[in-house]
């Protein structure tokens, strides 16, 4: 997991807020007003932009830990 998470992560990537807004059908201003990423949008952002939901909302989504056993 990166050190930067949530909205700080989104804001750190140039143009990402605008791309997220376009994908979700909302305005860039709406995304800019988020203090945290709404959990209902995490799966969409993860699938579209490849940012794990655990990094978007580490307070809600736990990172799956590897058991070290190959399937």
C-alpha atoms as a PDB file:
ATOM      1  CA  UNK A   1       0.000   0.000   0.000  1.00  0.00           C
ATOM      2  CA  UNK A   2       1.268   3.462  -0.787  1.00  0.00           C
ATOM      3  CA  UNK A   3       1.825   6.008   1.961  1.00  0.00           C
ATOM      4  CA  UNK A   4      -0.744   8.352   0.443  1.00  0.00           C
ATOM      5  CA  UNK A   5      -4.321   7.115   0.643  1.00  0.00           C
ATOM      6  CA  UNK A   6      -7.848   8.292  -0.035  1.00  0.00           C
ATOM      7  CA  UNK A   7      -8.460  11.742  -1.387  1.00  0.00           C
ATOM      8  CA  UNK A   8      -4.795  12.693  -0.962  1.00  0.00           C
ATOM      9  CA  UNK A   9      -3.957   9.901  -3.400  1.00  0.00           C
ATOM     10  CA  UNK A  10      -6.555  11.082  -5.919  1.00  0.00           C
ATOM     11  CA  UNK A  11      -5.440  14.694  -5.620  1.00  0.00           C
ATOM     12  CA  UNK A  12      -1.783  13.720  -6.046  1.00  0.00           C
ATOM     13  CA  UNK A  13      -2.418  12.319  -9.539  1.00  0.00           C
ATOM     14  CA  UNK A  14      -2.865  15.081 -12.074  1.00  0.00           C
ATOM     15  CA  UNK A  15      -6.212  14.988 -13.827  1.00  0.00           C
ATOM     16  CA  UNK A  16      -7.519  11.998 -11.909  1.00  0.00           C
ATOM     17  CA  UNK A  17     -10.314  13.932 -10.177  1.00  0.00           C
ATOM     18  CA  UNK A  18     -11.672  15.043 -13.546  1.00  0.00           C
ATOM     19  CA  UNK A  19     -11.484  11.496 -14.941  1.00  0.00           C
ATOM     20  CA  UNK A  20     -13.268  10.100 -11.875  1.00  0.00           C
ATOM     21  CA  UNK A  21     -15.963  12.763 -12.167  1.00  0.00           C
ATOM     22  CA  UNK A  22     -16.493  11.949 -15.845  1.00  0.00           C
ATOM     23  CA  UNK A  23     -16.697   8.208 -15.151  1.00  0.00           C
ATOM     24  CA  UNK A  24     -19.195   8.708 -12.312  1.00  0.00           C
ATOM     25  CA  UNK A  25     -21.270  11.280 -14.212  1.00  0.00           C
ATOM     26  CA  UNK A  26     -20.730  14.004 -11.615  1.00  0.00           C
ATOM     27  CA  UNK A  27     -18.902  17.326 -11.687  1.00  0.00           C
ATOM     28  CA  UNK A  28     -15.245  17.869 -10.855  1.00  0.00           C
ATOM     29  CA  UNK A  29     -16.454  20.211  -8.150  1.00  0.00           C
ATOM     30  CA  UNK A  30     -18.404  17.398  -6.517  1.00  0.00           C
ATOM     31  CA  UNK A  31     -15.268  15.243  -6.389  1.00  0.00           C
ATOM     32  CA  UNK A  32     -13.271  18.199  -5.050  1.00  0.00           C
ATOM     33  CA  UNK A  33     -15.710  18.512  -2.145  1.00  0.00           C
ATOM     34  CA  UNK A  34     -15.142  14.960  -0.966  1.00  0.00           C
ATOM     35  CA  UNK A  35     -13.238  14.734   2.307  1.00  0.00           C
ATOM     36  CA  UNK A  36     -13.162  10.961   1.864  1.00  0.00           C
ATOM     37  CA  UNK A  37     -14.039   8.795  -1.114  1.00  0.00           C
ATOM     38  CA  UNK A  38     -17.660   7.671  -0.764  1.00  0.00           C
ATOM     39  CA  UNK A  39     -17.556   3.876  -0.300  1.00  0.00           C
ATOM     40  CA  UNK A  40     -20.143   3.230  -3.010  1.00  0.00           C
ATOM     41  CA  UNK A  41     -17.704   4.654  -5.594  1.00  0.00           C
ATOM     42  CA  UNK A  42     -14.666   2.654  -4.484  1.00  0.00           C
ATOM     43  CA  UNK A  43     -15.400  -0.456  -6.595  1.00  0.00           C
ATOM     44  CA  UNK A  44     -15.946   1.669  -9.722  1.00  0.00           C
ATOM     45  CA  UNK A  45     -12.752   3.655  -9.182  1.00  0.00           C
ATOM     46  CA  UNK A  46     -10.829   0.457  -8.464  1.00  0.00           C
ATOM     47  CA  UNK A  47     -12.090  -1.272 -11.625  1.00  0.00           C
ATOM     48  CA  UNK A  48     -11.591   1.741 -13.880  1.00  0.00           C
ATOM     49  CA  UNK A  49      -8.371   3.274 -12.598  1.00  0.00           C
ATOM     50  CA  UNK A  50      -6.675   0.365 -10.857  1.00  0.00           C
ATOM     51  CA  UNK A  51      -6.477   2.015  -7.455  1.00  0.00           C
ATOM     52  CA  UNK A  52      -7.260  -0.644  -4.838  1.00  0.00           C
ATOM     53  CA  UNK A  53     -10.257   0.150  -2.652  1.00  0.00           C
ATOM     54  CA  UNK A  54      -8.004  -0.571   0.340  1.00  0.00           C
ATOM     55  CA  UNK A  55      -5.985   2.507  -0.626  1.00  0.00           C
ATOM     56  CA  UNK A  56      -9.048   4.633  -1.302  1.00  0.00           C
ATOM     57  CA  UNK A  57     -10.678   3.820   2.046  1.00  0.00           C
ATOM     58  CA  UNK A  58      -8.276   1.949   4.350  1.00  0.00           C
ATOM     59  CA  UNK A  59     -10.661   2.702   7.229  1.00  0.00           C
ATOM     60  CA  UNK A  60     -13.354   0.502   5.648  1.00  0.00           C
ATOM     61  CA  UNK A  61     -11.665  -2.006   3.360  1.00  0.00           C
ATOM     62  CA  UNK A  62      -9.006  -4.312   4.752  1.00  0.00           C
ATOM     63  CA  UNK A  63      -6.162  -5.431   2.542  1.00  0.00           C
ATOM     64  CA  UNK A  64      -6.301  -9.149   1.856  1.00  0.00           C
ATOM     65  CA  UNK A  65      -3.248 -10.739   3.394  1.00  0.00           C
ATOM     66  CA  UNK A  66      -1.296 -13.378   1.534  1.00  0.00           C
ATOM     67  CA  UNK A  67      -1.180 -16.766   3.226  1.00  0.00           C
ATOM     68  CA  UNK A  68       1.999 -17.686   1.406  1.00  0.00           C
ATOM     69  CA  UNK A  69       0.400 -20.833   0.007  1.00  0.00           C
ATOM     70  CA  UNK A  70       0.081 -21.127  -3.756  1.00  0.00           C
ATOM     71  CA  UNK A  71      -3.285 -22.297  -5.040  1.00  0.00           C
END
